[in-house]
Each structure stands twice: as structure tokens, then as C-alpha cells.
Amino acid sequence: MENSDLRLLISTGERGLAEEVKSYLEEFEIYTMMVSDNPASSYIGVYFGFNPTESIDIQINKDDYQKAIEILHKSPYEELVENG
């Protein structure tokens, strides 16, 4: 899949939340890619005991975008998506 086939679904500063959303969507066979602006942050947290700031984008195939929005609107993650 090329980057042009991907579309941003949500952005969050919480890795745990991003992983929950990823797992939730995969239950509906919507596969995601998590992209961090600070990929070393999880290692820093493990080795040094603190978590630096991080922004995580969840990207999906553009053909799955509308389905993902509909799924999230009917989920505990509804507040993460804009109306529409």
C-alpha cells in the first residue's frame, strides 16, 4: 500500500488510546497504521521511567475511511472523530 492510499483517521497524544482504537478497528477488519512523531518515546519510557510527549496518527486505507468513522461513532471512541 502506498502512502497515497492512506488517510488520517485520528491523532492523539496517548499511545495506549491509539492502541485501543487500533485493536477495536481490527475487530471489524479495518487495519490501521500508527505513525508517531517521536518513535523512541516508548523505549524512553521503559528504560528511563518517564514518557516524553508524543503525537500518534492513526492512518487507514482511504477506502475504509467512511466505514471506520461509522464504527467509531457507535463506539466508546466516538469523541475522537469529528461529526460527519
Protein backbone atom coordinates (compact mmCIF):
# COMPACT_ATOMS: atom_id res chain seq x y z
CA MET A 1 0.00 0.00 0.00
CA GLU A 2 1.36 3.40 -0.94
CA ASN A 3 1.10 6.47 1.28
CA SER A 4 -1.37 7.96 -1.19
CA ASP A 5 -3.74 5.09 -0.30
CA LEU A 6 -3.73 6.14 3.36
CA ARG A 7 -5.93 8.66 5.09
CA LEU A 8 -5.60 10.16 8.55
CA LEU A 9 -8.36 8.91 10.83
CA ILE A 10 -7.41 10.40 14.20
CA SER A 11 -4.49 11.93 16.08
CA THR A 12 -3.89 11.51 19.78
CA GLY A 13 -1.17 12.12 22.33
CA GLU A 14 -1.96 8.88 24.17
CA ARG A 15 -0.24 5.72 22.92
CA GLY A 16 -2.50 3.45 24.97
CA LEU A 17 -5.62 5.01 23.49
CA ALA A 18 -4.20 4.73 19.96
CA GLU A 19 -3.50 1.03 20.53
CA GLU A 20 -7.05 0.50 21.85
CA VAL A 21 -8.57 2.16 18.77
CA LYS A 22 -6.27 0.13 16.51
CA SER A 23 -7.36 -3.14 18.15
CA TYR A 24 -11.02 -2.12 18.09
CA LEU A 25 -10.99 -1.34 14.37
CA GLU A 26 -9.13 -4.54 13.56
CA GLU A 27 -12.06 -6.47 15.10
CA PHE A 28 -14.03 -5.07 12.14
CA GLU A 29 -11.24 -5.96 9.68
CA ILE A 30 -10.11 -2.36 9.31
CA TYR A 31 -6.35 -2.40 9.52
CA THR A 32 -4.50 0.65 10.73
CA MET A 33 -1.04 2.11 10.75
CA MET A 34 0.16 4.09 13.76
CA VAL A 35 2.64 6.85 12.96
CA SER A 36 4.45 8.59 15.81
CA ASP A 37 6.25 11.90 15.69
CA ASN A 38 8.56 10.53 18.42
CA PRO A 39 9.00 6.79 17.80
CA ALA A 40 11.64 6.44 20.55
CA SER A 41 9.24 7.59 23.26
CA SER A 42 8.09 4.09 24.20
CA TYR A 43 11.69 2.97 24.69
CA ILE A 44 12.49 6.07 26.73
CA GLY A 45 9.52 5.29 28.96
CA VAL A 46 10.67 1.72 29.54
CA TYR A 47 14.32 2.49 30.21
CA PHE A 48 14.14 5.89 31.92
CA GLY A 49 10.73 5.76 33.60
CA PHE A 50 9.08 8.78 32.03
CA ASN A 51 7.08 9.29 28.87
CA PRO A 52 8.05 12.20 26.64
CA THR A 53 5.35 13.91 24.62
CA GLU A 54 4.27 12.11 21.51
CA SER A 55 1.64 12.61 18.85
CA ILE A 56 0.31 9.49 17.17
CA ASP A 57 -1.62 9.49 13.91
CA ILE A 58 -3.82 6.54 13.10
CA GLN A 59 -3.98 6.10 9.36
CA ILE A 60 -6.16 3.70 7.41
CA ASN A 61 -6.78 2.75 3.81
CA LYS A 62 -8.80 5.57 2.26
CA ASP A 63 -11.39 3.04 1.03
CA ASP A 64 -12.11 2.07 4.67
CA TYR A 65 -12.41 5.63 5.96
CA GLN A 66 -16.20 6.02 5.93
CA LYS A 67 -16.75 2.58 7.46
CA ALA A 68 -14.23 3.38 10.22
CA ILE A 69 -15.96 6.68 11.00
CA GLU A 70 -19.32 4.91 11.27
CA ILE A 71 -17.84 2.24 13.56
CA LEU A 72 -16.19 4.80 15.82
CA HIS A 73 -19.39 6.87 16.05
CA LYS A 74 -21.09 3.80 17.57
CA SER A 75 -18.26 3.06 19.99
CA PRO A 76 -16.70 4.31 23.22
CA TYR A 77 -14.27 6.25 20.98
CA GLU A 78 -16.94 8.48 19.43
CA GLU A 79 -15.42 11.67 20.88
CA LEU A 80 -12.23 11.10 18.87
CA VAL A 81 -13.87 11.65 15.49
CA GLU A 82 -15.36 14.80 14.12
CA ASN A 83 -19.04 14.89 13.25
CA GLY A 84 -19.61 13.66 9.75
